[in-house]
C-alpha atoms as a PDB file:
ATOM      1  CA  UNK A   1       0.000   0.000   0.000  1.00  0.00           C
ATOM      2  CA  UNK A   2       1.358   3.427  -0.976  1.00  0.00           C
ATOM      3  CA  UNK A   3       1.542   5.590   2.123  1.00  0.00           C
ATOM      4  CA  UNK A   4       2.865   8.664   0.348  1.00  0.00           C
ATOM      5  CA  UNK A   5       1.038  11.389  -1.564  1.00  0.00           C
ATOM      6  CA  UNK A   6       2.168  14.568  -3.240  1.00  0.00           C
ATOM      7  CA  UNK A   7       1.406  17.736  -1.346  1.00  0.00           C
ATOM      8  CA  UNK A   8      -0.334  19.058  -4.475  1.00  0.00           C
ATOM      9  CA  UNK A   9      -2.845  16.182  -4.171  1.00  0.00           C
ATOM     10  CA  UNK A  10      -3.577  17.048  -0.539  1.00  0.00           C
ATOM     11  CA  UNK A  11      -3.635  20.857  -0.455  1.00  0.00           C
ATOM     12  CA  UNK A  12      -6.339  23.134  -1.816  1.00  0.00           C
ATOM     13  CA  UNK A  13      -3.852  25.961  -2.402  1.00  0.00           C
ATOM     14  CA  UNK A  14      -0.072  26.135  -2.691  1.00  0.00           C
ATOM     15  CA  UNK A  15       1.168  29.624  -3.528  1.00  0.00           C
ATOM     16  CA  UNK A  16       3.913  32.168  -3.048  1.00  0.00           C
ATOM     17  CA  UNK A  17       3.814  35.945  -3.317  1.00  0.00           C
ATOM     18  CA  UNK A  18       5.586  39.116  -2.279  1.00  0.00           C
ATOM     19  CA  UNK A  19       5.441  40.158   1.340  1.00  0.00           C
ATOM     20  CA  UNK A  20       6.894  43.602   0.843  1.00  0.00           C
ATOM     21  CA  UNK A  21       9.967  44.294  -1.257  1.00  0.00           C
ATOM     22  CA  UNK A  22      12.352  42.079   0.717  1.00  0.00           C
ATOM     23  CA  UNK A  23      10.301  38.957   1.503  1.00  0.00           C
ATOM     24  CA  UNK A  24       8.379  36.155  -0.174  1.00  0.00           C
ATOM     25  CA  UNK A  25       5.580  34.431   1.704  1.00  0.00           C
ATOM     26  CA  UNK A  26       4.189  30.963   1.083  1.00  0.00           C
ATOM     27  CA  UNK A  27       0.702  29.661   1.861  1.00  0.00           C
ATOM     28  CA  UNK A  28      -0.275  26.006   1.911  1.00  0.00           C
ATOM     29  CA  UNK A  29      -3.983  25.692   2.630  1.00  0.00           C
ATOM     30  CA  UNK A  30      -6.072  22.558   3.091  1.00  0.00           C
ATOM     31  CA  UNK A  31      -9.783  21.945   2.576  1.00  0.00           C
ATOM     32  CA  UNK A  32     -10.383  19.950   5.713  1.00  0.00           C
ATOM     33  CA  UNK A  33      -8.963  19.680   9.197  1.00  0.00           C
ATOM     34  CA  UNK A  34      -8.140  15.962   8.933  1.00  0.00           C
ATOM     35  CA  UNK A  35      -5.796  16.468   5.960  1.00  0.00           C
ATOM     36  CA  UNK A  36      -4.218  19.538   7.550  1.00  0.00           C
ATOM     37  CA  UNK A  37      -3.609  17.625  10.789  1.00  0.00           C
ATOM     38  CA  UNK A  38      -2.189  14.644   8.898  1.00  0.00           C
ATOM     39  CA  UNK A  39       0.306  16.832   7.024  1.00  0.00           C
ATOM     40  CA  UNK A  40       1.341  18.506  10.280  1.00  0.00           C
ATOM     41  CA  UNK A  41       1.880  15.100  11.932  1.00  0.00           C
ATOM     42  CA  UNK A  42       3.878  13.825   8.960  1.00  0.00           C
ATOM     43  CA  UNK A  43       6.675  16.322   9.533  1.00  0.00           C
ATOM     44  CA  UNK A  44       6.857  17.024   5.787  1.00  0.00           C
ATOM     45  CA  UNK A  45       6.552  20.766   6.388  1.00  0.00           C
ATOM     46  CA  UNK A  46       8.822  22.074   9.121  1.00  0.00           C
ATOM     47  CA  UNK A  47      11.172  25.043   9.218  1.00  0.00           C
ATOM     48  CA  UNK A  48      14.077  22.702   8.423  1.00  0.00           C
ATOM     49  CA  UNK A  49      12.328  20.881   5.580  1.00  0.00           C
ATOM     50  CA  UNK A  50      11.148  24.153   4.022  1.00  0.00           C
ATOM     51  CA  UNK A  51      14.688  25.569   4.030  1.00  0.00           C
ATOM     52  CA  UNK A  52      16.104  22.341   2.601  1.00  0.00           C
ATOM     53  CA  UNK A  53      13.502  22.189  -0.174  1.00  0.00           C
ATOM     54  CA  UNK A  54      13.991  25.844  -1.112  1.00  0.00           C
ATOM     55  CA  UNK A  55      17.772  25.521  -0.714  1.00  0.00           C
ATOM     56  CA  UNK A  56      17.906  28.575   1.556  1.00  0.00           C
ATOM     57  CA  UNK A  57      19.911  29.233   4.675  1.00  0.00           C
ATOM     58  CA  UNK A  58      17.677  28.845   7.754  1.00  0.00           C
ATOM     59  CA  UNK A  59      18.596  32.422   8.728  1.00  0.00           C
ATOM     60  CA  UNK A  60      16.463  33.571   5.756  1.00  0.00           C
ATOM     61  CA  UNK A  61      13.298  31.989   7.195  1.00  0.00           C
ATOM     62  CA  UNK A  62      11.598  34.794   9.117  1.00  0.00           C
ATOM     63  CA  UNK A  63       8.258  33.179   9.952  1.00  0.00           C
ATOM     64  CA  UNK A  64       6.757  29.684  10.097  1.00  0.00           C
ATOM     65  CA  UNK A  65       3.169  29.383  11.317  1.00  0.00           C
ATOM     66  CA  UNK A  66       0.746  26.492  11.506  1.00  0.00           C
ATOM     67  CA  UNK A  67      -2.511  28.445  11.493  1.00  0.00           C
ATOM     68  CA  UNK A  68      -5.154  26.022  12.737  1.00  0.00           C
ATOM     69  CA  UNK A  69      -8.279  28.209  12.170  1.00  0.00           C
ATOM     70  CA  UNK A  70      -7.575  28.320   8.410  1.00  0.00           C
ATOM     71  CA  UNK A  71      -6.041  24.820   8.065  1.00  0.00           C
ATOM     72  CA  UNK A  72      -2.968  26.579   6.691  1.00  0.00           C
ATOM     73  CA  UNK A  73       0.792  26.436   6.986  1.00  0.00           C
ATOM     74  CA  UNK A  74       2.420  29.760   6.219  1.00  0.00           C
ATOM     75  CA  UNK A  75       6.065  30.762   6.072  1.00  0.00           C
ATOM     76  CA  UNK A  76       8.162  33.676   4.862  1.00  0.00           C
ATOM     77  CA  UNK A  77      11.721  33.942   3.576  1.00  0.00           C
ATOM     78  CA  UNK A  78      13.961  36.930   3.000  1.00  0.00           C
ATOM     79  CA  UNK A  79      14.764  37.635  -0.643  1.00  0.00           C
ATOM     80  CA  UNK A  80      18.394  37.754  -1.749  1.00  0.00           C
ATOM     81  CA  UNK A  81      17.679  41.093  -3.432  1.00  0.00           C
ATOM     82  CA  UNK A  82      14.706  43.471  -3.382  1.00  0.00           C
ATOM     83  CA  UNK A  83      11.764  42.751  -5.647  1.00  0.00           C
ATOM     84  CA  UNK A  84      12.271  44.305  -9.069  1.00  0.00           C
ATOM     85  CA  UNK A  85      15.942  45.087  -8.584  1.00  0.00           C
ATOM     86  CA  UNK A  86      18.587  44.112 -11.132  1.00  0.00           C
ATOM     87  CA  UNK A  87      18.970  40.334 -11.195  1.00  0.00           C
ATOM     88  CA  UNK A  88      15.597  39.597  -9.594  1.00  0.00           C
ATOM     89  CA  UNK A  89      14.119  36.709 -11.552  1.00  0.00           C
ATOM     90  CA  UNK A  90      10.625  36.799 -10.037  1.00  0.00           C
ATOM     91  CA  UNK A  91       9.380  40.320  -9.361  1.00  0.00           C
ATOM     92  CA  UNK A  92       6.100  39.133  -7.781  1.00  0.00           C
ATOM     93  CA  UNK A  93       7.525  36.125  -5.929  1.00  0.00           C
ATOM     94  CA  UNK A  94       4.764  34.086  -7.533  1.00  0.00           C
ATOM     95  CA  UNK A  95       6.975  31.362  -9.044  1.00  0.00           C
ATOM     96  CA  UNK A  96       8.697  30.178  -5.875  1.00  0.00           C
ATOM     97  CA  UNK A  97       6.125  27.617  -4.701  1.00  0.00           C
ATOM     98  CA  UNK A  98       6.873  24.987  -7.386  1.00  0.00           C
ATOM     99  CA  UNK A  99       9.195  22.778  -5.265  1.00  0.00           C
ATOM    100  CA  UNK A 100       6.290  22.095  -2.893  1.00  0.00           C
ATOM    101  CA  UNK A 101       4.016  20.617  -5.579  1.00  0.00           C
ATOM    102  CA  UNK A 102       5.878  17.284  -5.705  1.00  0.00           C
ATOM    103  CA  UNK A 103       6.774  17.153  -2.000  1.00  0.00           C
ATOM    104  CA  UNK A 104       5.982  13.638  -0.776  1.00  0.00           C
ATOM    105  CA  UNK A 105       3.946  13.410   2.417  1.00  0.00           C
ATOM    106  CA  UNK A 106       3.736  10.251   4.505  1.00  0.00           C
ATOM    107  CA  UNK A 107      -0.021   9.862   4.910  1.00  0.00           C
ATOM    108  CA  UNK A 108       0.334   7.002   7.394  1.00  0.00           C
ATOM    109  CA  UNK A 109       1.480   9.464  10.084  1.00  0.00           C
END
């Protein structure tokens, strides 16, 4: 029996966006409490796993919140350069969520 599912199959919304000029915020939102709780228990989304998946130094992670009322996991990272500055490849921060789509979650947790 396969006990793993992709996060994109479990979450209602996976997105990233600007949080001011120097930060990008991520939202992973679930439809129901049971799925949200299962993902939390799995340990697939933690400050350490988020930094590893995004390949960012943990010092760049400014916030990590499991927001129970909305069945959401939210986190924010510091940008390497301000939004829209020379060398910025994603002015709106809207393309940064892609690594989370294929993240495998142990659903037996």
